Amino acid sequence: MSGFFSGLLRFRRGAWEMLATILIGLGVFMLMQPFWMLAFTYSFIVTLVGTVMFIVVSHFPE
């Protein structure tokens, strides 16, 4: 199993922080795109989930 997925399964900080950062970036992208209203509608929720996830996983062990 690769290092990223094993880090997710073992609740290690690096992999979960990367996933939370991707969610934050995806939410910002969804907020800025002008073509798909459904993505714009859920952009705040995705950004909020990524931000809260980042705060929580920052307490995970290295």
N, C-alpha and C. Protein backbone atom coordinates (compact mmCIF):
# COMPACT_ATOMS: atom_id res chain seq x y z
N MET A 1 0.85 -1.17 0.00
CA MET A 1 0.00 0.00 0.00
C MET A 1 0.90 1.24 0.00
N SER A 2 0.47 2.25 -0.71
CA SER A 2 1.32 3.44 -0.82
C SER A 2 1.36 4.20 0.50
N GLY A 3 2.30 5.12 0.61
CA GLY A 3 2.48 5.88 1.83
C GLY A 3 1.31 6.79 2.16
N PHE A 4 0.69 7.36 1.14
CA PHE A 4 -0.44 8.27 1.37
C PHE A 4 -1.63 7.52 1.97
N PHE A 5 -2.00 6.39 1.38
CA PHE A 5 -3.16 5.65 1.86
C PHE A 5 -2.89 4.99 3.20
N SER A 6 -1.68 4.54 3.44
CA SER A 6 -1.39 3.97 4.74
C SER A 6 -1.40 5.05 5.82
N GLY A 7 -1.01 6.28 5.46
CA GLY A 7 -1.09 7.39 6.40
C GLY A 7 -2.53 7.74 6.74
N LEU A 8 -3.42 7.62 5.73
CA LEU A 8 -4.84 7.87 5.99
C LEU A 8 -5.42 6.81 6.92
N LEU A 9 -5.06 5.56 6.68
CA LEU A 9 -5.60 4.49 7.50
C LEU A 9 -5.06 4.50 8.92
N ARG A 10 -3.86 5.02 9.10
CA ARG A 10 -3.24 5.06 10.43
C ARG A 10 -3.45 6.40 11.12
N PHE A 11 -4.25 7.27 10.53
CA PHE A 11 -4.53 8.59 11.09
C PHE A 11 -3.26 9.38 11.37
N ARG A 12 -2.41 9.48 10.36
CA ARG A 12 -1.20 10.28 10.47
C ARG A 12 -1.46 11.68 9.93
N ARG A 13 -0.78 12.65 10.48
CA ARG A 13 -1.07 14.05 10.19
C ARG A 13 -0.81 14.43 8.74
N GLY A 14 0.27 14.00 8.15
CA GLY A 14 0.65 14.45 6.82
C GLY A 14 -0.39 14.15 5.75
N ALA A 15 -0.87 12.93 5.72
CA ALA A 15 -1.84 12.53 4.69
C ALA A 15 -3.17 13.25 4.89
N TRP A 16 -3.63 13.35 6.11
CA TRP A 16 -4.91 14.00 6.37
C TRP A 16 -4.84 15.51 6.14
N GLU A 17 -3.70 16.13 6.47
CA GLU A 17 -3.54 17.55 6.18
C GLU A 17 -3.55 17.81 4.68
N MET A 18 -2.94 16.91 3.92
CA MET A 18 -2.94 17.06 2.47
C MET A 18 -4.37 16.95 1.92
N LEU A 19 -5.14 16.00 2.44
CA LEU A 19 -6.52 15.84 2.00
C LEU A 19 -7.35 17.07 2.37
N ALA A 20 -7.15 17.62 3.56
CA ALA A 20 -7.87 18.81 3.98
C ALA A 20 -7.49 20.02 3.12
N THR A 21 -6.22 20.13 2.77
CA THR A 21 -5.77 21.22 1.91
C THR A 21 -6.37 21.10 0.52
N ILE A 22 -6.47 19.89 0.01
CA ILE A 22 -7.09 19.67 -1.30
C ILE A 22 -8.56 20.07 -1.25
N LEU A 23 -9.25 19.73 -0.15
CA LEU A 23 -10.65 20.13 -0.02
C LEU A 23 -10.81 21.65 0.03
N ILE A 24 -9.93 22.33 0.73
CA ILE A 24 -9.99 23.79 0.78
C ILE A 24 -9.77 24.37 -0.61
N GLY A 25 -8.77 23.88 -1.32
CA GLY A 25 -8.52 24.35 -2.67
C GLY A 25 -9.67 24.06 -3.62
N LEU A 26 -10.27 22.88 -3.49
CA LEU A 26 -11.41 22.53 -4.31
C LEU A 26 -12.60 23.45 -4.03
N GLY A 27 -12.81 23.75 -2.76
CA GLY A 27 -13.91 24.66 -2.40
C GLY A 27 -13.70 26.06 -2.96
N VAL A 28 -12.47 26.56 -2.91
CA VAL A 28 -12.19 27.88 -3.47
C VAL A 28 -12.37 27.86 -4.99
N PHE A 29 -11.92 26.79 -5.63
CA PHE A 29 -12.12 26.67 -7.07
C PHE A 29 -13.61 26.63 -7.42
N MET A 30 -14.37 25.88 -6.64
CA MET A 30 -15.81 25.81 -6.88
C MET A 30 -16.47 27.18 -6.69
N LEU A 31 -15.95 27.96 -5.79
CA LEU A 31 -16.51 29.29 -5.55
C LEU A 31 -16.23 30.24 -6.71
N MET A 32 -15.08 30.09 -7.36
CA MET A 32 -14.67 31.05 -8.39
C MET A 32 -15.13 30.68 -9.80
N GLN A 33 -15.55 29.45 -10.03
CA GLN A 33 -15.91 29.06 -11.39
C GLN A 33 -17.30 29.61 -11.73
N PRO A 34 -17.49 30.09 -12.96
CA PRO A 34 -18.76 30.73 -13.31
C PRO A 34 -19.75 29.84 -14.08
N PHE A 35 -19.46 28.56 -14.26
CA PHE A 35 -20.22 27.75 -15.19
C PHE A 35 -21.25 26.83 -14.55
N TRP A 36 -20.99 26.32 -13.37
CA TRP A 36 -21.81 25.27 -12.79
C TRP A 36 -22.38 25.76 -11.46
N MET A 37 -23.67 26.03 -11.42
CA MET A 37 -24.30 26.61 -10.24
C MET A 37 -24.28 25.66 -9.05
N LEU A 38 -24.38 24.35 -9.30
CA LEU A 38 -24.37 23.39 -8.20
C LEU A 38 -23.03 23.42 -7.46
N ALA A 39 -21.93 23.54 -8.19
CA ALA A 39 -20.62 23.63 -7.56
C ALA A 39 -20.51 24.91 -6.74
N PHE A 40 -21.03 26.01 -7.27
CA PHE A 40 -21.01 27.28 -6.53
C PHE A 40 -21.85 27.17 -5.26
N THR A 41 -22.96 26.45 -5.34
CA THR A 41 -23.85 26.30 -4.19
C THR A 41 -23.16 25.57 -3.04
N TYR A 42 -22.40 24.54 -3.34
CA TYR A 42 -21.76 23.74 -2.29
C TYR A 42 -20.32 24.16 -2.00
N SER A 43 -19.85 25.22 -2.58
CA SER A 43 -18.46 25.62 -2.39
C SER A 43 -18.15 26.02 -0.96
N PHE A 44 -19.06 26.74 -0.31
CA PHE A 44 -18.82 27.16 1.07
C PHE A 44 -18.75 25.96 2.00
N ILE A 45 -19.64 24.99 1.80
CA ILE A 45 -19.65 23.78 2.64
C ILE A 45 -18.34 23.01 2.48
N VAL A 46 -17.88 22.86 1.25
CA VAL A 46 -16.64 22.12 1.00
C VAL A 46 -15.45 22.84 1.64
N THR A 47 -15.40 24.17 1.50
CA THR A 47 -14.32 24.94 2.12
C THR A 47 -14.39 24.85 3.64
N LEU A 48 -15.58 24.92 4.19
CA LEU A 48 -15.74 24.83 5.64
C LEU A 48 -15.33 23.46 6.17
N VAL A 49 -15.73 22.40 5.49
CA VAL A 49 -15.35 21.04 5.90
C VAL A 49 -13.83 20.88 5.84
N GLY A 50 -13.21 21.38 4.78
CA GLY A 50 -11.76 21.30 4.68
C GLY A 50 -11.05 22.07 5.77
N THR A 51 -11.57 23.24 6.13
CA THR A 51 -10.96 24.05 7.18
C THR A 51 -11.09 23.39 8.54
N VAL A 52 -12.28 22.90 8.85
CA VAL A 52 -12.48 22.21 10.14
C VAL A 52 -11.66 20.93 10.19
N MET A 53 -11.59 20.21 9.07
CA MET A 53 -10.79 19.00 9.02
C MET A 53 -9.32 19.33 9.28
N PHE A 54 -8.83 20.42 8.69
CA PHE A 54 -7.43 20.81 8.89
C PHE A 54 -7.17 21.12 10.36
N ILE A 55 -8.10 21.80 11.02
CA ILE A 55 -7.93 22.13 12.44
C ILE A 55 -7.90 20.86 13.28
N VAL A 56 -8.79 19.91 12.97
CA VAL A 56 -8.84 18.67 13.75
C VAL A 56 -7.60 17.83 13.53
N VAL A 57 -7.19 17.64 12.27
CA VAL A 57 -6.06 16.75 12.00
C VAL A 57 -4.73 17.35 12.39
N SER A 58 -4.70 18.63 12.67
CA SER A 58 -3.44 19.21 13.14
C SER A 58 -3.07 18.70 14.52
N HIS A 59 -4.01 18.01 15.19
CA HIS A 59 -3.74 17.41 16.48
C HIS A 59 -3.40 15.92 16.38
N PHE A 60 -3.39 15.36 15.18
CA PHE A 60 -3.02 13.96 14.99
C PHE A 60 -1.51 13.80 15.20
N PRO A 61 -1.06 12.59 15.51
CA PRO A 61 0.38 12.38 15.66
C PRO A 61 1.10 12.42 14.31
N GLU A 62 2.39 12.73 14.36
CA GLU A 62 3.19 12.75 13.14
C GLU A 62 3.24 11.35 12.60
